[in-house]
Amino acid sequence: KAKAKNVSYNGIRYWISKSNHLGLKAEFLGVKGETFKHAEFK
């Protein structure tokens, strides 16, 4: 959940690997909590 209004996104769902704590996937959320884009990380 965003700490301030001027951050990148209102909210994010974020999947972090248990073994090495790397962020593998994210869903970026709008004002109403809707997903408006997805990201995958290598």
Full PDB file with SEQRES, HELIX, SHEET, SSBOND, CRYST1, ORIGX, SCALE, CONECT and MASTER records, all heavy atoms in Angstrom:
SEQRES   1 A   42  LYS ALA LYS ALA LYS ASN VAL SER TYR ASN GLY ILE ARG          
SEQRES   2 A   42  TYR TRP ILE SER LYS SER ASN HIS LEU GLY LEU LYS ALA          
SEQRES   3 A   42  GLU PHE LEU GLY VAL LYS GLY GLU THR PHE LYS HIS ALA          
SEQRES   4 A   42  GLU PHE LYS                                                  
SHEET    1 AA1 3 GLY A  11  ILE A  16  0                                        
SHEET    2 AA1 3 GLY A  23  LEU A  29 -1                                        
SHEET    3 AA1 3 THR A  35  GLU A  40 -1                                        
CRYST1    1.000    1.000    1.000  90.00  90.00  90.00 P 1           1          
ORIGX1      1.000000  0.000000  0.000000        0.00000                         
ORIGX2      0.000000  1.000000  0.000000        0.00000                         
ORIGX3      0.000000  0.000000  1.000000        0.00000                         
SCALE1      1.000000  0.000000  0.000000        0.00000                         
SCALE2      0.000000  1.000000  0.000000        0.00000                         
SCALE3      0.000000  0.000000  1.000000        0.00000                         
ATOM      1  N   LYS A   1       0.843  -1.186   0.000  1.00  0.00           N  
ATOM      2  CA  LYS A   1       0.000   0.000   0.000  1.00  0.00           C  
ATOM      3  C   LYS A   1       0.884   1.244   0.000  1.00  0.00           C  
ATOM      4  O   LYS A   1       1.827   1.345   0.788  1.00  0.00           O  
ATOM      5  CB  LYS A   1      -0.916   0.024   1.228  1.00  0.00           C  
ATOM      6  CG  LYS A   1      -1.790  -1.220   1.395  1.00  0.00           C  
ATOM      7  CD  LYS A   1      -2.781  -1.369   0.251  1.00  0.00           C  
ATOM      8  CE  LYS A   1      -3.678  -2.587   0.485  1.00  0.00           C  
ATOM      9  NZ  LYS A   1      -4.613  -2.810  -0.648  1.00  0.00           N  
ATOM     10  N   ALA A   2       0.568   2.194  -0.863  1.00  0.00           N  
ATOM     11  CA  ALA A   2       1.370   3.406  -0.982  1.00  0.00           C  
ATOM     12  C   ALA A   2       1.393   4.207   0.306  1.00  0.00           C  
ATOM     13  O   ALA A   2       0.366   4.368   0.971  1.00  0.00           O  
ATOM     14  CB  ALA A   2       0.836   4.269  -2.117  1.00  0.00           C  
ATOM     15  N   LYS A   3       2.577   4.716   0.661  1.00  0.00           N  
ATOM     16  CA  LYS A   3       2.724   5.553   1.850  1.00  0.00           C  
ATOM     17  C   LYS A   3       2.402   7.017   1.566  1.00  0.00           C  
ATOM     18  O   LYS A   3       2.191   7.800   2.490  1.00  0.00           O  
ATOM     19  CB  LYS A   3       4.152   5.460   2.386  1.00  0.00           C  
ATOM     20  CG  LYS A   3       4.532   4.098   2.946  1.00  0.00           C  
ATOM     21  CD  LYS A   3       5.964   4.102   3.460  1.00  0.00           C  
ATOM     22  CE  LYS A   3       6.363   2.771   4.047  1.00  0.00           C  
ATOM     23  NZ  LYS A   3       7.773   2.769   4.527  1.00  0.00           N  
ATOM     24  N   ALA A   4       2.416   7.412   0.286  1.00  0.00           N  
ATOM     25  CA  ALA A   4       2.179   8.806  -0.086  1.00  0.00           C  
ATOM     26  C   ALA A   4       1.495   8.848  -1.450  1.00  0.00           C  
ATOM     27  O   ALA A   4       1.453   7.849  -2.173  1.00  0.00           O  
ATOM     28  CB  ALA A   4       3.498   9.585  -0.119  1.00  0.00           C  
ATOM     29  N   LYS A   5       0.976  10.014  -1.813  1.00  0.00           N  
ATOM     30  CA  LYS A   5       0.246  10.140  -3.073  1.00  0.00           C  
ATOM     31  C   LYS A   5       1.165  10.225  -4.283  1.00  0.00           C  
ATOM     32  O   LYS A   5       0.735   9.971  -5.407  1.00  0.00           O  
ATOM     33  CB  LYS A   5      -0.659  11.382  -3.021  1.00  0.00           C  
ATOM     34  CG  LYS A   5      -1.808  11.255  -2.038  1.00  0.00           C  
ATOM     35  CD  LYS A   5      -2.696  12.486  -2.091  1.00  0.00           C  
ATOM     36  CE  LYS A   5      -3.880  12.342  -1.140  1.00  0.00           C  
ATOM     37  NZ  LYS A   5      -4.767  13.538  -1.166  1.00  0.00           N  
ATOM     38  N   ASN A   6       2.419  10.614  -4.081  1.00  0.00           N  
ATOM     39  CA  ASN A   6       3.311  10.815  -5.214  1.00  0.00           C  
ATOM     40  C   ASN A   6       4.236   9.627  -5.483  1.00  0.00           C  
ATOM     41  O   ASN A   6       5.283   9.780  -6.099  1.00  0.00           O  
ATOM     42  CB  ASN A   6       4.143  12.079  -5.018  1.00  0.00           C  
ATOM     43  CG  ASN A   6       5.043  12.020  -3.791  1.00  0.00           C  
ATOM     44  OD1 ASN A   6       4.785  11.261  -2.859  1.00  0.00           O  
ATOM     45  ND2 ASN A   6       6.093  12.832  -3.790  1.00  0.00           N  
ATOM     46  N   VAL A   7       3.853   8.429  -5.027  1.00  0.00           N  
ATOM     47  CA  VAL A   7       4.637   7.246  -5.353  1.00  0.00           C  
ATOM     48  C   VAL A   7       4.170   6.692  -6.694  1.00  0.00           C  
ATOM     49  O   VAL A   7       3.178   7.148  -7.264  1.00  0.00           O  
ATOM     50  CB  VAL A   7       4.543   6.167  -4.250  1.00  0.00           C  
ATOM     51  CG1 VAL A   7       5.009   6.742  -2.924  1.00  0.00           C  
ATOM     52  CG2 VAL A   7       3.125   5.641  -4.116  1.00  0.00           C  
ATOM     53  N   SER A   8       4.878   5.683  -7.188  1.00  0.00           N  
ATOM     54  CA  SER A   8       4.648   5.193  -8.547  1.00  0.00           C  
ATOM     55  C   SER A   8       3.253   4.615  -8.744  1.00  0.00           C  
ATOM     56  O   SER A   8       2.615   4.839  -9.773  1.00  0.00           O  
ATOM     57  CB  SER A   8       5.694   4.126  -8.898  1.00  0.00           C  
ATOM     58  OG  SER A   8       6.992   4.601  -8.655  1.00  0.00           O  
ATOM     59  N   TYR A   9       2.765   3.847  -7.753  1.00  0.00           N  
ATOM     60  CA  TYR A   9       1.480   3.164  -7.889  1.00  0.00           C  
ATOM     61  C   TYR A   9       0.702   3.241  -6.577  1.00  0.00           C  
ATOM     62  O   TYR A   9       1.284   3.327  -5.502  1.00  0.00           O  
ATOM     63  CB  TYR A   9       1.700   1.695  -8.269  1.00  0.00           C  
ATOM     64  CG  TYR A   9       2.510   1.533  -9.531  1.00  0.00           C  
ATOM     65  CD1 TYR A   9       3.853   1.157  -9.477  1.00  0.00           C  
ATOM     66  CD2 TYR A   9       1.939   1.778 -10.775  1.00  0.00           C  
ATOM     67  CE1 TYR A   9       4.603   1.034 -10.639  1.00  0.00           C  
ATOM     68  CE2 TYR A   9       2.687   1.656 -11.937  1.00  0.00           C  
ATOM     69  CZ  TYR A   9       4.018   1.290 -11.864  1.00  0.00           C  
ATOM     70  OH  TYR A   9       4.760   1.178 -13.009  1.00  0.00           O  
ATOM     71  N   ASN A  10      -0.638   3.179  -6.677  1.00  0.00           N  
ATOM     72  CA  ASN A  10      -1.465   3.186  -5.472  1.00  0.00           C  
ATOM     73  C   ASN A  10      -1.253   1.921  -4.645  1.00  0.00           C  
ATOM     74  O   ASN A  10      -1.254   1.946  -3.424  1.00  0.00           O  
ATOM     75  CB  ASN A  10      -2.942   3.307  -5.856  1.00  0.00           C  
ATOM     76  CG  ASN A  10      -3.263   4.660  -6.447  1.00  0.00           C  
ATOM     77  OD1 ASN A  10      -3.143   5.674  -5.776  1.00  0.00           O  
ATOM     78  ND2 ASN A  10      -3.649   4.684  -7.716  1.00  0.00           N  
ATOM     79  N   GLY A  11      -1.086   0.811  -5.327  1.00  0.00           N  
ATOM     80  CA  GLY A  11      -0.867  -0.455  -4.655  1.00  0.00           C  
ATOM     81  C   GLY A  11      -0.224  -1.455  -5.593  1.00  0.00           C  
ATOM     82  O   GLY A  11      -0.260  -1.297  -6.819  1.00  0.00           O  
ATOM     83  N   ILE A  12       0.397  -2.479  -5.014  1.00  0.00           N  
ATOM     84  CA  ILE A  12       1.089  -3.501  -5.802  1.00  0.00           C  
ATOM     85  C   ILE A  12       0.862  -4.859  -5.148  1.00  0.00           C  
ATOM     86  O   ILE A  12       0.924  -4.981  -3.918  1.00  0.00           O  
ATOM     87  CB  ILE A  12       2.614  -3.234  -5.870  1.00  0.00           C  
ATOM     88  CG1 ILE A  12       2.902  -1.847  -6.458  1.00  0.00           C  
ATOM     89  CG2 ILE A  12       3.318  -4.303  -6.700  1.00  0.00           C  
ATOM     90  CD1 ILE A  12       4.364  -1.444  -6.372  1.00  0.00           C  
ATOM     91  N   ARG A  13       0.587  -5.864  -5.955  1.00  0.00           N  
ATOM     92  CA  ARG A  13       0.695  -7.247  -5.497  1.00  0.00           C  
ATOM     93  C   ARG A  13       2.053  -7.734  -5.970  1.00  0.00           C  
ATOM     94  O   ARG A  13       2.400  -7.602  -7.139  1.00  0.00           O  
ATOM     95  CB  ARG A  13      -0.423  -8.118  -6.084  1.00  0.00           C  
ATOM     96  CG  ARG A  13      -1.812  -7.736  -5.620  1.00  0.00           C  
ATOM     97  CD  ARG A  13      -2.844  -8.781  -6.043  1.00  0.00           C  
ATOM     98  NE  ARG A  13      -4.188  -8.273  -5.831  1.00  0.00           N  
ATOM     99  CZ  ARG A  13      -4.957  -7.760  -6.784  1.00  0.00           C  
ATOM    100  NH1 ARG A  13      -4.509  -7.717  -8.035  1.00  0.00           N  
ATOM    101  NH2 ARG A  13      -6.154  -7.306  -6.512  1.00  0.00           N  
ATOM    102  N   TYR A  14       2.804  -8.323  -5.055  1.00  0.00           N  
ATOM    103  CA  TYR A  14       4.221  -8.590  -5.338  1.00  0.00           C  
ATOM    104  C   TYR A  14       4.576  -9.993  -4.861  1.00  0.00           C  
ATOM    105  O   TYR A  14       4.282 -10.352  -3.709  1.00  0.00           O  
ATOM    106  CB  TYR A  14       5.060  -7.544  -4.598  1.00  0.00           C  
ATOM    107  CG  TYR A  14       6.479  -7.352  -5.058  1.00  0.00           C  
ATOM    108  CD1 TYR A  14       6.866  -7.539  -6.374  1.00  0.00           C  
ATOM    109  CD2 TYR A  14       7.454  -6.935  -4.142  1.00  0.00           C  
ATOM    110  CE1 TYR A  14       8.169  -7.324  -6.774  1.00  0.00           C  
ATOM    111  CE2 TYR A  14       8.764  -6.713  -4.529  1.00  0.00           C  
ATOM    112  CZ  TYR A  14       9.116  -6.912  -5.857  1.00  0.00           C  
ATOM    113  OH  TYR A  14      10.406  -6.702  -6.252  1.00  0.00           O  
ATOM    114  N   TRP A  15       5.194 -10.767  -5.738  1.00  0.00           N  
ATOM    115  CA  TRP A  15       5.600 -12.131  -5.408  1.00  0.00           C  
ATOM    116  C   TRP A  15       7.119 -12.177  -5.281  1.00  0.00           C  
ATOM    117  O   TRP A  15       7.849 -11.874  -6.234  1.00  0.00           O  
ATOM    118  CB  TRP A  15       5.148 -13.092  -6.493  1.00  0.00           C  
ATOM    119  CG  TRP A  15       3.678 -13.379  -6.482  1.00  0.00           C  
ATOM    120  CD1 TRP A  15       3.052 -14.485  -5.963  1.00  0.00           C  
ATOM    121  CD2 TRP A  15       2.622 -12.557  -7.031  1.00  0.00           C  
ATOM    122  NE1 TRP A  15       1.688 -14.405  -6.151  1.00  0.00           N  
ATOM    123  CE2 TRP A  15       1.394 -13.234  -6.794  1.00  0.00           C  
ATOM    124  CE3 TRP A  15       2.588 -11.326  -7.684  1.00  0.00           C  
ATOM    125  CZ2 TRP A  15       0.161 -12.718  -7.213  1.00  0.00           C  
ATOM    126  CZ3 TRP A  15       1.368 -10.807  -8.086  1.00  0.00           C  
ATOM    127  CH2 TRP A  15       0.174 -11.504  -7.844  1.00  0.00           C  
ATOM    128  N   ILE A  16       7.615 -12.557  -4.094  1.00  0.00           N  
ATOM    129  CA  ILE A  16       9.047 -12.572  -3.801  1.00  0.00           C  
ATOM    130  C   ILE A  16       9.479 -13.998  -3.481  1.00  0.00           C  
ATOM    131  O   ILE A  16       8.880 -14.674  -2.639  1.00  0.00           O  
ATOM    132  CB  ILE A  16       9.389 -11.642  -2.622  1.00  0.00           C  
ATOM    133  CG1 ILE A  16       8.992 -10.194  -2.959  1.00  0.00           C  
ATOM    134  CG2 ILE A  16      10.864 -11.716  -2.262  1.00  0.00           C  
ATOM    135  CD1 ILE A  16       9.240  -9.205  -1.837  1.00  0.00           C  
ATOM    136  N   SER A  17      10.528 -14.447  -4.140  1.00  0.00           N  
ATOM    137  CA  SER A  17      11.032 -15.806  -3.960  1.00  0.00           C  
ATOM    138  C   SER A  17      11.432 -16.056  -2.512  1.00  0.00           C  
ATOM    139  O   SER A  17      12.094 -15.228  -1.876  1.00  0.00           O  
ATOM    140  CB  SER A  17      12.244 -16.031  -4.874  1.00  0.00           C  
ATOM    141  OG  SER A  17      12.950 -17.189  -4.509  1.00  0.00           O  
ATOM    142  N   LYS A  18      11.044 -17.220  -1.995  1.00  0.00           N  
ATOM    143  CA  LYS A  18      11.423 -17.581  -0.631  1.00  0.00           C  
ATOM    144  C   LYS A  18      12.916 -17.867  -0.518  1.00  0.00           C  
ATOM    145  O   LYS A  18      13.531 -17.592   0.513  1.00  0.00           O  
ATOM    146  CB  LYS A  18      10.643 -18.821  -0.179  1.00  0.00           C  
ATOM    147  CG  LYS A  18       9.174 -18.582   0.082  1.00  0.00           C  
ATOM    148  CD  LYS A  18       8.535 -19.847   0.645  1.00  0.00           C  
ATOM    149  CE  LYS A  18       7.075 -19.643   0.975  1.00  0.00           C  
ATOM    150  NZ  LYS A  18       6.482 -20.857   1.586  1.00  0.00           N  
ATOM    151  N   SER A  19      13.506 -18.420  -1.555  1.00  0.00           N  
ATOM    152  CA  SER A  19      14.889 -18.888  -1.461  1.00  0.00           C  
ATOM    153  C   SER A  19      15.915 -17.769  -1.507  1.00  0.00           C  
ATOM    154  O   SER A  19      16.913 -17.798  -0.792  1.00  0.00           O  
ATOM    155  CB  SER A  19      15.186 -19.898  -2.575  1.00  0.00           C  
ATOM    156  OG  SER A  19      15.022 -19.289  -3.854  1.00  0.00           O  
ATOM    157  N   ASN A  20      15.679 -16.749  -2.347  1.00  0.00           N  
ATOM    158  CA  ASN A  20      16.698 -15.700  -2.490  1.00  0.00           C  
ATOM    159  C   ASN A  20      16.142 -14.280  -2.394  1.00  0.00           C  
ATOM    160  O   ASN A  20      16.855 -13.312  -2.637  1.00  0.00           O  
ATOM    161  CB  ASN A  20      17.456 -15.860  -3.813  1.00  0.00           C  
ATOM    162  CG  ASN A  20      16.519 -15.958  -5.010  1.00  0.00           C  
ATOM    163  OD1 ASN A  20      15.359 -15.554  -4.940  1.00  0.00           O  
ATOM    164  ND2 ASN A  20      17.020 -16.497  -6.114  1.00  0.00           N  
ATOM    165  N   HIS A  21      14.858 -14.158  -2.062  1.00  0.00           N  
ATOM    166  CA  HIS A  21      14.216 -12.852  -1.838  1.00  0.00           C  
ATOM    167  C   HIS A  21      14.267 -11.946  -3.070  1.00  0.00           C  
ATOM    168  O   HIS A  21      14.373 -10.723  -2.939  1.00  0.00           O  
ATOM    169  CB  HIS A  21      14.829 -12.142  -0.631  1.00  0.00           C  
ATOM    170  CG  HIS A  21      14.559 -12.821   0.661  1.00  0.00           C  
ATOM    171  ND1 HIS A  21      14.924 -12.289   1.882  1.00  0.00           N  
ATOM    172  CD2 HIS A  21      13.952 -14.009   0.951  1.00  0.00           C  
ATOM    173  CE1 HIS A  21      14.563 -13.118   2.845  1.00  0.00           C  
ATOM    174  NE2 HIS A  21      13.968 -14.169   2.306  1.00  0.00           N  
ATOM    175  N   LEU A  22      14.152 -12.525  -4.258  1.00  0.00           N  
ATOM    176  CA  LEU A  22      14.077 -11.748  -5.490  1.00  0.00           C  
ATOM    177  C   LEU A  22      12.611 -11.576  -5.883  1.00  0.00           C  
ATOM    178  O   LEU A  22      11.826 -12.528  -5.827  1.00  0.00           O  
ATOM    179  CB  LEU A  22      14.836 -12.435  -6.626  1.00  0.00           C  
ATOM    180  CG  LEU A  22      16.341 -12.620  -6.417  1.00  0.00           C  
ATOM    181  CD1 LEU A  22      16.946 -13.368  -7.601  1.00  0.00           C  
ATOM    182  CD2 LEU A  22      17.035 -11.271  -6.232  1.00  0.00           C  
ATOM    183  N   GLY A  23      12.241 -10.365  -6.294  1.00  0.00           N  
ATOM    184  CA  GLY A  23      10.888 -10.119  -6.761  1.00  0.00           C  
ATOM    185  C   GLY A  23      10.702 -10.701  -8.155  1.00  0.00           C  
ATOM    186  O   GLY A  23      11.402 -10.311  -9.089  1.00  0.00           O  
ATOM    187  N   LEU A  24       9.765 -11.631  -8.319  1.00  0.00           N  
ATOM    188  CA  LEU A  24       9.602 -12.333  -9.591  1.00  0.00           C  
ATOM    189  C   LEU A  24       8.422 -11.832 -10.417  1.00  0.00           C  
ATOM    190  O   LEU A  24       8.449 -11.909 -11.644  1.00  0.00           O  
ATOM    191  CB  LEU A  24       9.427 -13.837  -9.343  1.00  0.00           C  
ATOM    192  CG  LEU A  24      10.580 -14.551  -8.620  1.00  0.00           C  
ATOM    193  CD1 LEU A  24      10.307 -16.053  -8.581  1.00  0.00           C  
ATOM    194  CD2 LEU A  24      11.914 -14.260  -9.294  1.00  0.00           C  
ATOM    195  N   LYS A  25       7.407 -11.314  -9.760  1.00  0.00           N  
ATOM    196  CA  LYS A  25       6.204 -10.894 -10.480  1.00  0.00           C  
ATOM    197  C   LYS A  25       5.507  -9.790  -9.705  1.00  0.00           C  
ATOM    198  O   LYS A  25       5.581  -9.737  -8.478  1.00  0.00           O  
ATOM    199  CB  LYS A  25       5.257 -12.092 -10.653  1.00  0.00           C  
ATOM    200  CG  LYS A  25       4.039 -11.820 -11.522  1.00  0.00           C  
ATOM    201  CD  LYS A  25       3.222 -13.084 -11.760  1.00  0.00           C  
ATOM    202  CE  LYS A  25       2.328 -13.409 -10.600  1.00  0.00           C  
ATOM    203  NZ  LYS A  25       1.321 -14.461 -10.916  1.00  0.00           N  
ATOM    204  N   ALA A  26       4.820  -8.903 -10.447  1.00  0.00           N  
ATOM    205  CA  ALA A  26       4.064  -7.833  -9.790  1.00  0.00           C  
ATOM    206  C   ALA A  26       2.800  -7.534 -10.580  1.00  0.00           C  
ATOM    207  O   ALA A  26       2.763  -7.690 -11.806  1.00  0.00           O  
ATOM    208  CB  ALA A  26       4.910  -6.570  -9.669  1.00  0.00           C  
ATOM    209  N   GLU A  27       1.783  -7.120  -9.864  1.00  0.00           N  
ATOM    210  CA  GLU A  27       0.568  -6.568 -10.464  1.00  0.00           C  
ATOM    211  C   GLU A  27       0.391  -5.174  -9.894  1.00  0.00           C  
ATOM    212  O   GLU A  27       0.381  -4.988  -8.667  1.00  0.00           O  
ATOM    213  CB  GLU A  27      -0.654  -7.431 -10.140  1.00  0.00           C  
ATOM    214  CG  GLU A  27      -0.616  -8.804 -10.778  1.00  0.00           C  
ATOM    215  CD  GLU A  27      -1.810  -9.663 -10.391  1.00  0.00           C  
ATOM    216  OE1 GLU A  27      -2.622  -9.214  -9.545  1.00  0.00           O  
ATOM    217  OE2 GLU A  27      -1.927 -10.781 -10.927  1.00  0.00           O  
ATOM    218  N   PHE A  28       0.278  -4.178 -10.780  1.00  0.00           N  
ATOM    219  CA  PHE A  28       0.167  -2.792 -10.357  1.00  0.00           C  
ATOM    220  C   PHE A  28      -1.301  -2.383 -10.343  1.00  0.00           C  
ATOM    221  O   PHE A  28      -2.040  -2.646 -11.294  1.00  0.00           O  
ATOM    222  CB  PHE A  28       0.987  -1.895 -11.277  1.00  0.00           C  
ATOM    223  CG  PHE A  28       2.442  -2.287 -11.334  1.00  0.00           C  
ATOM    224  CD1 PHE A  28       2.971  -2.899 -12.454  1.00  0.00           C  
ATOM    225  CD2 PHE A  28       3.273  -2.060 -10.257  1.00  0.00           C  
ATOM    226  CE1 PHE A  28       4.306  -3.280 -12.510  1.00  0.00           C  
ATOM    227  CE2 PHE A  28       4.610  -2.429 -10.293  1.00  0.00           C  
ATOM    228  CZ  PHE A  28       5.127  -3.043 -11.420  1.00  0.00           C  
ATOM    229  N   LEU A  29      -1.705  -1.731  -9.252  1.00  0.00           N  
ATOM    230  CA  LEU A  29      -3.115  -1.493  -8.994  1.00  0.00           C  
ATOM    231  C   LEU A  29      -3.481  -0.014  -9.107  1.00  0.00           C  
ATOM    232  O   LEU A  29      -2.700   0.865  -8.743  1.00  0.00           O  
ATOM    233  CB  LEU A  29      -3.484  -1.989  -7.595  1.00  0.00           C  
ATOM    234  CG  LEU A  29      -3.030  -3.416  -7.240  1.00  0.00           C  
ATOM    235  CD1 LEU A  29      -3.434  -3.763  -5.812  1.00  0.00           C  
ATOM    236  CD2 LEU A  29      -3.594  -4.435  -8.234  1.00  0.00           C  
ATOM    237  N   GLY A  30      -4.701   0.224  -9.598  1.00  0.00           N  
ATOM    238  CA  GLY A  30      -5.218   1.574  -9.714  1.00  0.00           C  
ATOM    239  C   GLY A  30      -5.896   2.017  -8.426  1.00  0.00           C  
ATOM    240  O   GLY A  30      -5.848   1.348  -7.392  1.00  0.00           O  
ATOM    241  N   VAL A  31      -6.560   3.164  -8.496  1.00  0.00           N  
ATOM    242  CA  VAL A  31      -7.191   3.773  -7.321  1.00  0.00           C  
ATOM    243  C   VAL A  31      -8.251   2.853  -6.712  1.00  0.00           C  
ATOM    244  O   VAL A  31      -8.399   2.762  -5.493  1.00  0.00           O  
ATOM    245  CB  VAL A  31      -7.822   5.132  -7.705  1.00  0.00           C  
ATOM    246  CG1 VAL A  31      -8.550   5.735  -6.514  1.00  0.00           C  
ATOM    247  CG2 VAL A  31      -6.760   6.101  -8.202  1.00  0.00           C  
ATOM    248  N   LYS A  32      -8.980   2.136  -7.556  1.00  0.00           N  
ATOM    249  CA  LYS A  32     -10.049   1.260  -7.082  1.00  0.00           C  
ATOM    250  C   LYS A  32      -9.579  -0.167  -6.804  1.00  0.00           C  
ATOM    251  O   LYS A  32     -10.383  -1.056  -6.542  1.00  0.00           O  
ATOM    252  CB  LYS A  32     -11.186   1.248  -8.097  1.00  0.00           C  
ATOM    253  CG  LYS A  32     -11.835   2.610  -8.302  1.00  0.00           C  
ATOM    254  CD  LYS A  32     -12.958   2.538  -9.326  1.00  0.00           C  
ATOM    255  CE  LYS A  32     -13.608   3.906  -9.530  1.00  0.00           C  
ATOM    256  NZ  LYS A  32     -14.701   3.858 -10.541  1.00  0.00           N  
ATOM    257  N   GLY A  33      -8.262  -0.375  -6.877  1.00  0.00           N  
ATOM    258  CA  GLY A  33      -7.722  -1.703  -6.619  1.00  0.00           C  
ATOM    259  C   GLY A  33      -7.687  -2.610  -7.829  1.00  0.00           C  
ATOM    260  O   GLY A  33      -7.347  -3.787  -7.713  1.00  0.00           O  
ATOM    261  N   GLU A  34      -8.014  -2.054  -8.997  1.00  0.00           N  
ATOM    262  CA  GLU A  34      -7.998  -2.863 -10.215  1.00  0.00           C  
ATOM    263  C   GLU A  34      -6.580  -3.016 -10.750  1.00  0.00           C  
ATOM    264  O   GLU A  34      -5.740  -2.126 -10.608  1.00  0.00           O  
ATOM    265  CB  GLU A  34      -8.890  -2.214 -11.281  1.00  0.00           C  
ATOM    266  CG  GLU A  34      -8.326  -0.982 -11.982  1.00  0.00           C  
ATOM    267  CD  GLU A  34      -8.388   0.309 -11.174  1.00  0.00           C  
ATOM    268  OE1 GLU A  34      -8.758   0.256  -9.975  1.00  0.00           O  
ATOM    269  OE2 GLU A  34      -8.058   1.372 -11.738  1.00  0.00           O  
ATOM    270  N   THR A  35      -6.288  -4.169 -11.353  1.00  0.00           N  
ATOM    271  CA  THR A  35      -4.973  -4.400 -11.963  1.00  0.00           C  
ATOM    272  C   THR A  35      -4.935  -3.730 -13.330  1.00  0.00           C  
ATOM    273  O   THR A  35      -5.767  -4.016 -14.191  1.00  0.00           O  
ATOM    274  CB  THR A  35      -4.699  -5.900 -12.130  1.00  0.00           C  
ATOM    275  OG1 THR A  35      -4.744  -6.529 -10.843  1.00  0.00           O  
ATOM    276  CG2 THR A  35      -3.337  -6.142 -12.757  1.00  0.00           C  
ATOM    277  N   PHE A  36      -3.980  -2.825 -13.537  1.00  0.00           N  
ATOM    278  CA  PHE A  36      -3.908  -2.181 -14.839  1.00  0.00           C  
ATOM    279  C   PHE A  36      -2.632  -2.529 -15.612  1.00  0.00           C  
ATOM    280  O   PHE A  36      -2.530  -2.253 -16.806  1.00  0.00           O  
ATOM    281  CB  PHE A  36      -4.088  -0.661 -14.738  1.00  0.00           C  
ATOM    282  CG  PHE A  36      -2.965   0.075 -14.058  1.00  0.00           C  
ATOM    283  CD1 PHE A  36      -1.943   0.638 -14.793  1.00  0.00           C  
ATOM    284  CD2 PHE A  36      -2.959   0.234 -12.681  1.00  0.00           C  
ATOM    285  CE1 PHE A  36      -0.917   1.329 -14.176  1.00  0.00           C  
ATOM    286  CE2 PHE A  36      -1.946   0.925 -12.046  1.00  0.00           C  
ATOM    287  CZ  PHE A  36      -0.921   1.482 -12.795  1.00  0.00           C  
ATOM    288  N   LYS A  37      -1.659  -3.169 -14.944  1.00  0.00           N  
ATOM    289  CA  LYS A  37      -0.551  -3.741 -15.699  1.00  0.00           C  
ATOM    290  C   LYS A  37       0.169  -4.803 -14.874  1.00  0.00           C  
ATOM    291  O   LYS A  37       0.064  -4.847 -13.640  1.00  0.00           O  
ATOM    292  CB  LYS A  37       0.410  -2.675 -16.215  1.00  0.00           C  
ATOM    293  CG  LYS A  37       1.164  -1.865 -15.184  1.00  0.00           C  
ATOM    294  CD  LYS A  37       2.034  -0.824 -15.912  1.00  0.00           C  
ATOM    295  CE  LYS A  37       2.863  -0.003 -14.949  1.00  0.00           C  
ATOM    296  NZ  LYS A  37       3.700   0.991 -15.644  1.00  0.00           N  
ATOM    297  N   HIS A  38       0.864  -5.676 -15.581  1.00  0.00           N  
ATOM    298  CA  HIS A  38       1.592  -6.793 -14.983  1.00  0.00           C  
ATOM    299  C   HIS A  38       3.083  -6.628 -15.296  1.00  0.00           C  
ATOM    300  O   HIS A  38       3.452  -6.035 -16.310  1.00  0.00           O  
ATOM    301  CB  HIS A  38       1.138  -8.129 -15.566  1.00  0.00           C  
ATOM    302  CG  HIS A  38      -0.337  -8.352 -15.545  1.00  0.00           C  
ATOM    303  ND1 HIS A  38      -0.985  -8.958 -14.490  1.00  0.00           N  
ATOM    304  CD2 HIS A  38      -1.300  -8.057 -16.450  1.00  0.00           C  
ATOM    305  CE1 HIS A  38      -2.277  -9.029 -14.749  1.00  0.00           C  
ATOM    306  NE2 HIS A  38      -2.508  -8.485 -15.930  1.00  0.00           N  
ATOM    307  N   ALA A  39       3.930  -7.200 -14.445  1.00  0.00           N  
ATOM    308  CA  ALA A  39       5.366  -7.190 -14.708  1.00  0.00           C  
ATOM    309  C   ALA A  39       5.997  -8.501 -14.268  1.00  0.00           C  
ATOM    310  O   ALA A  39       5.576  -9.105 -13.281  1.00  0.00           O  
ATOM    311  CB  ALA A  39       6.036  -6.014 -13.999  1.00  0.00           C  
ATOM    312  N   GLU A  40       6.996  -8.924 -15.016  1.00  0.00           N  
ATOM    313  CA  GLU A  40       7.807 -10.094 -14.658  1.00  0.00           C  
ATOM    314  C   GLU A  40       9.270  -9.669 -14.664  1.00  0.00           C  
ATOM    315  O   GLU A  40       9.687  -8.866 -15.506  1.00  0.00           O  
ATOM    316  CB  GLU A  40       7.576 -11.237 -15.639  1.00  0.00           C  
ATOM    317  CG  GLU A  40       6.148 -11.766 -15.630  1.00  0.00           C  
ATOM    318  CD  GLU A  40       5.927 -12.857 -16.673  1.00  0.00           C  
ATOM    319  OE1 GLU A  40       6.873 -13.142 -17.450  1.00  0.00           O  
ATOM    320  OE2 GLU A  40       4.817 -13.404 -16.728  1.00  0.00           O  
ATOM    321  N   PHE A  41      10.055 -10.226 -13.718  1.00  0.00           N  
ATOM    322  CA  PHE A  41      11.439  -9.791 -13.529  1.00  0.00           C  
ATOM    323  C   PHE A  41      12.400 -10.975 -13.632  1.00  0.00           C  
ATOM    324  O   PHE A  41      12.114 -12.061 -13.120  1.00  0.00           O  
ATOM    325  CB  PHE A  41      11.604  -9.133 -12.156  1.00  0.00           C  
ATOM    326  CG  PHE A  41      10.568  -8.094 -11.852  1.00  0.00           C  
ATOM    327  CD1 PHE A  41       9.443  -8.411 -11.102  1.00  0.00           C  
ATOM    328  CD2 PHE A  41      10.698  -6.790 -12.313  1.00  0.00           C  
ATOM    329  CE1 PHE A  41       8.472  -7.462 -10.813  1.00  0.00           C  
ATOM    330  CE2 PHE A  41       9.739  -5.832 -12.025  1.00  0.00           C  
ATOM    331  CZ  PHE A  41       8.611  -6.172 -11.277  1.00  0.00           C  
ATOM    332  N   LYS A  42      13.541 -10.742 -14.305  1.00  0.00           N  
ATOM    333  CA  LYS A  42      14.599 -11.743 -14.406  1.00  0.00           C  
ATOM    334  C   LYS A  42      15.886 -11.170 -13.821  1.00  0.00           C  
ATOM    335  O   LYS A  42      16.113  -9.955 -13.826  1.00  0.00           O  
ATOM    336  CB  LYS A  42      14.831 -12.148 -15.867  1.00  0.00           C  
ATOM    337  CG  LYS A  42      13.596 -12.723 -16.568  1.00  0.00           C  
ATOM    338  CD  LYS A  42      13.168 -14.045 -15.955  1.00  0.00           C  
ATOM    339  CE  LYS A  42      11.979 -14.628 -16.696  1.00  0.00           C  
ATOM    340  NZ  LYS A  42      11.496 -15.892 -16.072  1.00  0.00           N  
TER     341      LYS A  42                                                      
MASTER        0    0    0    0    3    0    0    6  340    1    0    4          
END                                                                             
